[in-house]
């Protein structure tokens, strides 16, 4: 895969599990090092969860690879949680996760009249000109174990 857009998805609260899975897959295919992939993905989901909790409908998550880093943008409208709902701990947790990755990983927050965009970035492992990891090879016949065949009971 070449550099550029890896994922763009509109999401709502019920789709957060799908956001997590797609961010993890896009991070893997972009060659984000395994040592930071979990923290990066969890941080992205924390911001997406915060967007859903604020009533942002829908939020948007985008992942882009370029200049040796992976960028994840979570964009949403809605500035404050609905009345009666306390502020969540997700953004603070996300900041701790990204800080744990170390430099040059970072978080940026940009407020606009239309909403908020949070940008996460982390360095990639290597050049993107190499082929991305593909599916696991199919098992060879000698490694496939099937239960012994049994005949149906006689009637």
N, C-alpha and C. Protein backbone atom coordinates (compact mmCIF):
# COMPACT_ATOMS: atom_id res chain seq x y z
N UNK A 1 0.83 -1.17 0.00
CA UNK A 1 0.00 0.00 0.00
C UNK A 1 0.88 1.23 0.00
N UNK A 2 0.44 2.25 -0.70
CA UNK A 2 1.21 3.47 -0.72
C UNK A 2 0.81 4.36 0.46
N UNK A 3 1.56 5.43 0.63
CA UNK A 3 1.23 6.37 1.68
C UNK A 3 -0.11 7.02 1.38
N UNK A 4 -0.75 7.54 2.41
CA UNK A 4 -2.02 8.24 2.21
C UNK A 4 -3.09 7.70 3.13
N UNK A 5 -4.34 7.91 2.71
CA UNK A 5 -5.49 7.54 3.51
C UNK A 5 -5.54 6.03 3.72
N UNK A 6 -5.68 5.60 4.95
CA UNK A 6 -5.77 4.18 5.29
C UNK A 6 -7.16 3.79 5.76
N UNK A 7 -7.88 4.77 6.34
CA UNK A 7 -9.21 4.48 6.88
C UNK A 7 -9.97 5.79 7.00
N UNK A 8 -11.24 5.77 6.62
CA UNK A 8 -12.16 6.87 6.90
C UNK A 8 -13.49 6.24 7.22
N UNK A 9 -14.02 6.56 8.39
CA UNK A 9 -15.27 5.94 8.83
C UNK A 9 -16.08 6.92 9.66
N UNK A 10 -17.35 7.05 9.33
CA UNK A 10 -18.28 7.75 10.21
C UNK A 10 -18.76 6.73 11.23
N UNK A 11 -18.94 7.16 12.48
CA UNK A 11 -19.35 6.22 13.52
C UNK A 11 -20.31 6.86 14.50
N UNK A 12 -21.03 5.99 15.17
CA UNK A 12 -21.91 6.35 16.28
C UNK A 12 -21.56 5.41 17.43
N UNK A 13 -22.11 5.66 18.58
CA UNK A 13 -21.80 4.87 19.77
C UNK A 13 -21.83 3.36 19.57
N UNK A 14 -22.86 2.80 18.95
CA UNK A 14 -22.92 1.34 18.80
C UNK A 14 -21.81 0.77 17.91
N UNK A 15 -21.11 1.62 17.17
CA UNK A 15 -20.09 1.14 16.23
C UNK A 15 -18.67 1.25 16.78
N UNK A 16 -18.50 1.52 18.08
CA UNK A 16 -17.16 1.71 18.65
C UNK A 16 -16.31 0.46 18.55
N UNK A 17 -16.91 -0.72 18.67
CA UNK A 17 -16.12 -1.96 18.53
C UNK A 17 -15.57 -2.08 17.11
N UNK A 18 -16.35 -1.67 16.13
CA UNK A 18 -15.88 -1.69 14.74
C UNK A 18 -14.77 -0.66 14.53
N UNK A 19 -14.91 0.52 15.15
CA UNK A 19 -13.85 1.53 15.08
C UNK A 19 -12.55 0.92 15.60
N UNK A 20 -12.61 0.27 16.75
CA UNK A 20 -11.42 -0.35 17.34
C UNK A 20 -10.78 -1.35 16.38
N UNK A 21 -11.58 -2.24 15.83
CA UNK A 21 -11.05 -3.28 14.93
C UNK A 21 -10.43 -2.67 13.68
N UNK A 22 -11.09 -1.68 13.10
CA UNK A 22 -10.57 -1.08 11.86
C UNK A 22 -9.32 -0.24 12.12
N UNK A 23 -9.25 0.46 13.24
CA UNK A 23 -8.04 1.21 13.59
C UNK A 23 -6.87 0.24 13.80
N UNK A 24 -7.13 -0.87 14.49
CA UNK A 24 -6.07 -1.85 14.70
C UNK A 24 -5.58 -2.43 13.38
N UNK A 25 -6.50 -2.78 12.48
CA UNK A 25 -6.10 -3.35 11.19
C UNK A 25 -5.33 -2.33 10.36
N UNK A 26 -5.82 -1.09 10.30
CA UNK A 26 -5.13 -0.06 9.51
C UNK A 26 -3.75 0.23 10.10
N UNK A 27 -3.62 0.21 11.42
CA UNK A 27 -2.33 0.43 12.07
C UNK A 27 -1.34 -0.68 11.73
N UNK A 28 -1.83 -1.89 11.73
CA UNK A 28 -0.98 -3.03 11.38
C UNK A 28 -0.52 -2.92 9.93
N UNK A 29 -1.43 -2.65 9.03
CA UNK A 29 -1.08 -2.57 7.61
C UNK A 29 -0.18 -1.37 7.30
N UNK A 30 -0.25 -0.33 8.12
CA UNK A 30 0.62 0.84 7.93
C UNK A 30 2.01 0.61 8.54
N UNK A 31 2.20 -0.52 9.18
CA UNK A 31 3.47 -0.89 9.81
C UNK A 31 3.77 -0.09 11.08
N UNK A 32 2.73 0.23 11.84
CA UNK A 32 2.95 0.83 13.14
C UNK A 32 3.58 -0.25 14.02
N UNK A 33 4.68 0.06 14.69
CA UNK A 33 5.36 -0.98 15.48
C UNK A 33 4.42 -1.63 16.50
N UNK A 34 4.58 -2.92 16.69
CA UNK A 34 3.73 -3.66 17.62
C UNK A 34 3.82 -3.08 19.03
N UNK A 35 4.97 -2.54 19.40
CA UNK A 35 5.15 -2.02 20.74
C UNK A 35 4.28 -0.79 21.03
N UNK A 36 3.78 -0.12 20.00
CA UNK A 36 2.94 1.06 20.21
C UNK A 36 1.53 0.90 19.66
N UNK A 37 1.28 -0.15 18.90
CA UNK A 37 0.00 -0.31 18.23
C UNK A 37 -1.18 -0.37 19.21
N UNK A 38 -1.03 -1.10 20.30
CA UNK A 38 -2.12 -1.23 21.27
C UNK A 38 -2.47 0.09 21.93
N UNK A 39 -1.45 0.84 22.37
CA UNK A 39 -1.68 2.13 23.03
C UNK A 39 -2.28 3.13 22.05
N UNK A 40 -1.78 3.13 20.81
CA UNK A 40 -2.28 4.06 19.79
C UNK A 40 -3.75 3.77 19.50
N UNK A 41 -4.07 2.50 19.29
CA UNK A 41 -5.45 2.12 18.99
C UNK A 41 -6.39 2.43 20.14
N UNK A 42 -5.94 2.14 21.38
CA UNK A 42 -6.79 2.42 22.54
C UNK A 42 -7.01 3.92 22.70
N UNK A 43 -5.98 4.72 22.46
CA UNK A 43 -6.13 6.17 22.55
C UNK A 43 -7.15 6.67 21.53
N UNK A 44 -7.09 6.14 20.31
CA UNK A 44 -8.06 6.54 19.28
C UNK A 44 -9.48 6.19 19.71
N UNK A 45 -9.65 5.01 20.27
CA UNK A 45 -10.99 4.58 20.70
C UNK A 45 -11.47 5.41 21.89
N UNK A 46 -10.56 5.82 22.77
CA UNK A 46 -10.96 6.67 23.89
C UNK A 46 -11.54 7.99 23.39
N UNK A 47 -10.90 8.59 22.38
CA UNK A 47 -11.44 9.83 21.84
C UNK A 47 -12.74 9.59 21.08
N UNK A 48 -12.85 8.48 20.36
CA UNK A 48 -14.09 8.16 19.66
C UNK A 48 -15.23 7.93 20.66
N UNK A 49 -14.92 7.28 21.78
CA UNK A 49 -15.92 7.06 22.83
C UNK A 49 -16.36 8.39 23.42
N UNK A 50 -15.41 9.29 23.64
CA UNK A 50 -15.75 10.62 24.15
C UNK A 50 -16.65 11.35 23.16
N UNK A 51 -16.36 11.22 21.88
CA UNK A 51 -17.20 11.86 20.86
C UNK A 51 -18.62 11.31 20.93
N UNK A 52 -18.75 9.99 21.05
CA UNK A 52 -20.08 9.38 21.11
C UNK A 52 -20.82 9.81 22.38
N UNK A 53 -20.10 9.92 23.49
CA UNK A 53 -20.71 10.32 24.76
C UNK A 53 -21.20 11.77 24.71
N UNK A 54 -20.58 12.58 23.90
CA UNK A 54 -20.97 13.99 23.77
C UNK A 54 -22.15 14.16 22.81
N UNK A 55 -22.61 13.08 22.25
CA UNK A 55 -23.75 13.17 21.35
C UNK A 55 -23.36 13.56 19.94
N UNK A 56 -22.08 13.44 19.62
CA UNK A 56 -21.64 13.73 18.25
C UNK A 56 -22.24 12.67 17.34
N UNK A 57 -22.98 13.10 16.36
CA UNK A 57 -23.69 12.12 15.54
C UNK A 57 -23.64 12.52 14.08
N UNK A 58 -22.83 11.95 13.27
CA UNK A 58 -21.82 10.95 13.63
C UNK A 58 -20.47 11.61 13.86
N UNK A 59 -19.56 10.84 14.46
CA UNK A 59 -18.16 11.23 14.53
C UNK A 59 -17.46 10.65 13.30
N UNK A 60 -16.24 11.10 13.04
CA UNK A 60 -15.47 10.59 11.90
C UNK A 60 -14.08 10.25 12.40
N UNK A 61 -13.59 9.07 12.02
CA UNK A 61 -12.21 8.70 12.32
C UNK A 61 -11.50 8.50 10.98
N UNK A 62 -10.29 9.07 10.87
CA UNK A 62 -9.46 8.93 9.67
C UNK A 62 -8.06 8.56 10.09
N UNK A 63 -7.46 7.61 9.38
CA UNK A 63 -6.04 7.28 9.56
C UNK A 63 -5.32 7.54 8.26
N UNK A 64 -4.18 8.23 8.37
CA UNK A 64 -3.34 8.54 7.21
C UNK A 64 -1.90 8.21 7.56
N UNK A 65 -1.19 7.70 6.58
CA UNK A 65 0.25 7.45 6.74
C UNK A 65 0.99 8.42 5.84
N UNK A 66 2.05 8.99 6.37
CA UNK A 66 2.86 9.90 5.57
C UNK A 66 4.00 10.47 6.38
N UNK A 67 5.09 10.77 5.70
CA UNK A 67 6.27 11.36 6.34
C UNK A 67 6.75 10.55 7.54
N UNK A 68 6.67 9.23 7.44
CA UNK A 68 7.20 8.36 8.50
C UNK A 68 6.36 8.28 9.75
N UNK A 69 5.09 8.72 9.67
CA UNK A 69 4.24 8.62 10.85
C UNK A 69 2.82 8.25 10.45
N UNK A 70 2.08 7.73 11.43
CA UNK A 70 0.67 7.42 11.25
C UNK A 70 -0.12 8.47 12.01
N UNK A 71 -1.07 9.10 11.33
CA UNK A 71 -1.93 10.10 11.93
C UNK A 71 -3.34 9.54 12.06
N UNK A 72 -3.96 9.75 13.19
CA UNK A 72 -5.35 9.36 13.40
C UNK A 72 -6.11 10.61 13.83
N UNK A 73 -7.11 10.98 13.04
CA UNK A 73 -7.95 12.13 13.39
C UNK A 73 -9.34 11.64 13.77
N UNK A 74 -9.80 12.11 14.92
CA UNK A 74 -11.18 11.86 15.35
C UNK A 74 -11.85 13.23 15.37
N UNK A 75 -12.88 13.39 14.54
CA UNK A 75 -13.57 14.67 14.40
C UNK A 75 -15.02 14.49 14.83
N UNK A 76 -15.50 15.44 15.62
CA UNK A 76 -16.89 15.35 16.08
C UNK A 76 -17.42 16.72 16.44
N UNK A 77 -18.74 16.85 16.39
CA UNK A 77 -19.42 18.06 16.82
C UNK A 77 -19.82 17.90 18.27
N UNK A 78 -20.41 18.90 18.83
CA UNK A 78 -20.86 18.81 20.22
C UNK A 78 -19.72 19.14 21.17
N UNK A 79 -19.84 20.23 21.88
CA UNK A 79 -18.74 20.70 22.71
C UNK A 79 -18.78 20.18 24.14
N UNK A 80 -19.95 19.86 24.66
CA UNK A 80 -20.04 19.44 26.06
C UNK A 80 -20.91 18.19 26.15
N UNK A 81 -20.67 17.37 27.18
CA UNK A 81 -21.55 16.20 27.35
C UNK A 81 -22.98 16.65 27.61
N UNK A 82 -23.95 15.78 27.31
CA UNK A 82 -25.35 16.13 27.60
C UNK A 82 -25.52 16.45 29.09
N UNK A 83 -26.52 17.27 29.45
CA UNK A 83 -26.75 17.63 30.85
C UNK A 83 -26.91 16.38 31.72
N UNK A 84 -26.32 16.45 32.91
CA UNK A 84 -26.41 15.33 33.84
C UNK A 84 -25.38 14.25 33.61
N UNK A 85 -24.62 14.34 32.55
CA UNK A 85 -23.59 13.33 32.27
C UNK A 85 -22.23 13.90 32.66
N UNK A 86 -21.51 13.23 33.56
CA UNK A 86 -20.22 13.76 33.99
C UNK A 86 -19.17 13.66 32.88
N UNK A 87 -18.15 14.50 32.96
CA UNK A 87 -17.03 14.43 32.02
C UNK A 87 -16.38 13.05 32.16
N UNK A 88 -16.00 12.46 31.04
CA UNK A 88 -15.37 11.16 31.07
C UNK A 88 -13.87 11.26 31.31
N UNK A 89 -13.25 10.13 31.55
CA UNK A 89 -11.81 10.06 31.77
C UNK A 89 -11.06 9.64 30.52
N UNK A 90 -11.79 9.37 29.43
CA UNK A 90 -11.18 8.87 28.20
C UNK A 90 -10.08 9.75 27.63
N UNK A 91 -10.31 11.07 27.48
CA UNK A 91 -9.25 11.91 26.93
C UNK A 91 -7.98 11.91 27.79
N UNK A 92 -8.14 11.93 29.11
CA UNK A 92 -6.96 11.87 29.99
C UNK A 92 -6.22 10.55 29.84
N UNK A 93 -6.98 9.45 29.73
CA UNK A 93 -6.37 8.15 29.53
C UNK A 93 -5.64 8.10 28.19
N UNK A 94 -6.27 8.65 27.16
CA UNK A 94 -5.64 8.68 25.83
C UNK A 94 -4.33 9.45 25.87
N UNK A 95 -4.32 10.59 26.57
CA UNK A 95 -3.08 11.37 26.69
C UNK A 95 -2.00 10.57 27.40
N UNK A 96 -2.35 9.82 28.43
CA UNK A 96 -1.37 8.99 29.14
C UNK A 96 -0.84 7.89 28.23
N UNK A 97 -1.72 7.29 27.44
CA UNK A 97 -1.29 6.22 26.53
C UNK A 97 -0.30 6.75 25.50
N UNK A 98 -0.60 7.89 24.91
CA UNK A 98 0.30 8.47 23.91
C UNK A 98 1.60 8.91 24.56
N UNK A 99 1.55 9.49 25.76
CA UNK A 99 2.77 9.88 26.46
C UNK A 99 3.64 8.66 26.74
N UNK A 100 3.01 7.52 27.01
CA UNK A 100 3.74 6.28 27.26
C UNK A 100 4.49 5.77 26.04
N UNK A 101 4.03 6.13 24.86
CA UNK A 101 4.73 5.74 23.63
C UNK A 101 6.06 6.48 23.56
N UNK A 102 6.06 7.71 24.04
CA UNK A 102 7.28 8.53 24.01
C UNK A 102 7.35 9.37 22.76
N UNK A 103 8.39 10.22 22.74
CA UNK A 103 8.59 11.09 21.57
C UNK A 103 8.94 10.23 20.39
N UNK A 104 8.51 10.52 19.22
CA UNK A 104 7.81 11.71 18.77
C UNK A 104 6.30 11.55 18.68
N UNK A 105 5.69 10.59 19.41
CA UNK A 105 4.22 10.48 19.41
C UNK A 105 3.63 11.73 20.06
N UNK A 106 2.45 12.15 19.57
CA UNK A 106 1.86 13.36 20.11
C UNK A 106 0.36 13.39 19.89
N UNK A 107 -0.30 14.32 20.59
CA UNK A 107 -1.73 14.58 20.46
C UNK A 107 -1.91 16.06 20.18
N UNK A 108 -2.81 16.39 19.27
CA UNK A 108 -3.18 17.78 19.02
C UNK A 108 -4.69 17.89 19.05
N UNK A 109 -5.21 18.98 19.60
CA UNK A 109 -6.65 19.22 19.67
C UNK A 109 -6.93 20.56 19.01
N UNK A 110 -7.89 20.54 18.10
CA UNK A 110 -8.26 21.75 17.36
C UNK A 110 -9.77 21.94 17.47
N UNK A 111 -10.20 23.04 18.08
CA UNK A 111 -11.62 23.36 18.17
C UNK A 111 -11.98 24.32 17.05
N UNK A 112 -13.12 24.06 16.43
CA UNK A 112 -13.63 24.93 15.37
C UNK A 112 -15.09 25.25 15.70
N UNK A 113 -15.70 26.17 14.98
CA UNK A 113 -17.13 26.44 15.21
C UNK A 113 -18.01 25.21 14.94
N UNK A 114 -17.49 24.24 14.18
CA UNK A 114 -18.29 23.07 13.82
C UNK A 114 -18.01 21.87 14.71
N UNK A 115 -17.03 21.94 15.59
CA UNK A 115 -16.74 20.81 16.45
C UNK A 115 -15.27 20.75 16.83
N UNK A 116 -14.81 19.55 17.11
CA UNK A 116 -13.45 19.33 17.59
C UNK A 116 -12.78 18.26 16.74
N UNK A 117 -11.49 18.45 16.48
CA UNK A 117 -10.67 17.43 15.82
C UNK A 117 -9.50 17.13 16.73
N UNK A 118 -9.35 15.85 17.07
CA UNK A 118 -8.21 15.38 17.85
C UNK A 118 -7.32 14.60 16.90
N UNK A 119 -6.02 14.92 16.89
CA UNK A 119 -5.07 14.23 16.02
C UNK A 119 -4.04 13.51 16.87
N UNK A 120 -3.92 12.21 16.66
CA UNK A 120 -2.88 11.40 17.30
C UNK A 120 -1.84 11.09 16.25
N UNK A 121 -0.58 11.03 16.64
CA UNK A 121 0.45 10.62 15.68
C UNK A 121 1.47 9.74 16.39
N UNK A 122 2.02 8.80 15.63
CA UNK A 122 3.07 7.92 16.13
C UNK A 122 3.97 7.55 14.96
N UNK A 123 5.27 7.35 15.23
CA UNK A 123 6.20 7.01 14.15
C UNK A 123 5.96 5.60 13.62
N UNK A 124 6.15 5.46 12.31
CA UNK A 124 6.02 4.14 11.67
C UNK A 124 7.36 3.41 11.73
N UNK A 125 7.28 2.09 11.58
CA UNK A 125 8.47 1.26 11.71
C UNK A 125 9.42 1.36 10.53
N UNK A 126 8.91 1.47 9.35
CA UNK A 126 9.80 1.46 8.20
C UNK A 126 9.11 2.01 6.97
N UNK A 127 9.80 1.97 5.84
CA UNK A 127 9.22 2.52 4.62
C UNK A 127 7.98 1.75 4.22
N UNK A 128 7.06 2.49 3.61
CA UNK A 128 5.80 1.87 3.19
C UNK A 128 5.90 1.27 1.80
N UNK A 129 7.08 1.29 1.20
CA UNK A 129 7.21 0.74 -0.15
C UNK A 129 7.23 -0.78 -0.13
N UNK A 130 7.50 -1.37 1.03
CA UNK A 130 7.46 -2.82 1.14
C UNK A 130 6.01 -3.28 1.12
N UNK A 131 5.76 -4.52 0.68
CA UNK A 131 4.37 -4.98 0.67
C UNK A 131 3.83 -5.07 2.09
N UNK A 132 2.55 -4.74 2.30
CA UNK A 132 1.97 -4.83 3.63
C UNK A 132 1.84 -6.29 4.06
N UNK A 133 1.75 -6.52 5.36
CA UNK A 133 1.55 -7.90 5.79
C UNK A 133 0.24 -8.41 5.25
N UNK A 134 0.25 -9.61 4.75
CA UNK A 134 -0.96 -10.19 4.19
C UNK A 134 -1.58 -11.17 5.15
N UNK A 135 -2.54 -11.91 4.68
CA UNK A 135 -3.18 -12.91 5.55
C UNK A 135 -2.19 -14.02 5.86
N UNK A 136 -2.47 -14.71 6.94
CA UNK A 136 -1.62 -15.83 7.31
C UNK A 136 -1.71 -16.92 6.25
N UNK A 137 -0.61 -17.63 6.00
CA UNK A 137 -0.67 -18.70 5.00
C UNK A 137 -1.62 -19.80 5.46
N UNK A 138 -2.21 -20.46 4.49
CA UNK A 138 -3.11 -21.57 4.80
C UNK A 138 -2.32 -22.71 5.43
N UNK A 139 -2.90 -23.41 6.38
CA UNK A 139 -2.18 -24.53 6.99
C UNK A 139 -1.92 -25.63 5.96
N UNK A 140 -0.81 -26.28 6.11
CA UNK A 140 -0.49 -27.39 5.22
C UNK A 140 -1.30 -28.60 5.64
N UNK A 141 -1.58 -29.51 4.71
CA UNK A 141 -2.45 -30.65 5.03
C UNK A 141 -1.95 -31.48 6.20
N UNK A 142 -0.63 -31.59 6.38
CA UNK A 142 -0.14 -32.42 7.47
C UNK A 142 -0.35 -31.76 8.84
N UNK A 143 -0.68 -30.46 8.88
CA UNK A 143 -0.92 -29.79 10.15
C UNK A 143 -2.40 -29.70 10.49
N UNK A 144 -3.27 -30.02 9.55
CA UNK A 144 -4.70 -29.96 9.80
C UNK A 144 -5.11 -31.21 10.55
N UNK A 145 -5.72 -30.99 11.69
CA UNK A 145 -6.16 -32.13 12.48
C UNK A 145 -7.69 -32.14 12.48
N UNK A 146 -8.23 -33.23 12.04
CA UNK A 146 -9.68 -33.37 12.04
C UNK A 146 -10.04 -34.55 12.93
N UNK A 147 -11.22 -34.49 13.55
CA UNK A 147 -11.61 -35.62 14.38
C UNK A 147 -11.84 -36.87 13.52
N UNK A 148 -11.64 -38.05 14.10
CA UNK A 148 -11.85 -39.27 13.31
C UNK A 148 -13.31 -39.36 12.87
N UNK A 149 -13.49 -39.89 11.68
CA UNK A 149 -14.85 -40.03 11.14
C UNK A 149 -15.58 -41.14 11.89
N UNK A 150 -16.83 -40.90 12.15
CA UNK A 150 -17.64 -41.94 12.79
C UNK A 150 -18.89 -42.13 11.95
N UNK A 151 -19.32 -43.34 11.90
CA UNK A 151 -20.51 -43.66 11.12
C UNK A 151 -21.73 -43.30 11.94
N UNK A 152 -22.80 -42.86 11.27
CA UNK A 152 -24.03 -42.58 12.02
C UNK A 152 -24.59 -43.87 12.62
N UNK A 153 -25.31 -43.79 13.71
CA UNK A 153 -25.86 -45.00 14.32
C UNK A 153 -26.82 -45.71 13.35
N UNK A 154 -26.79 -47.02 13.40
CA UNK A 154 -27.68 -47.83 12.55
C UNK A 154 -29.10 -47.71 13.07
N UNK A 155 -30.05 -47.78 12.18
CA UNK A 155 -31.47 -47.69 12.57
C UNK A 155 -32.16 -48.98 12.40
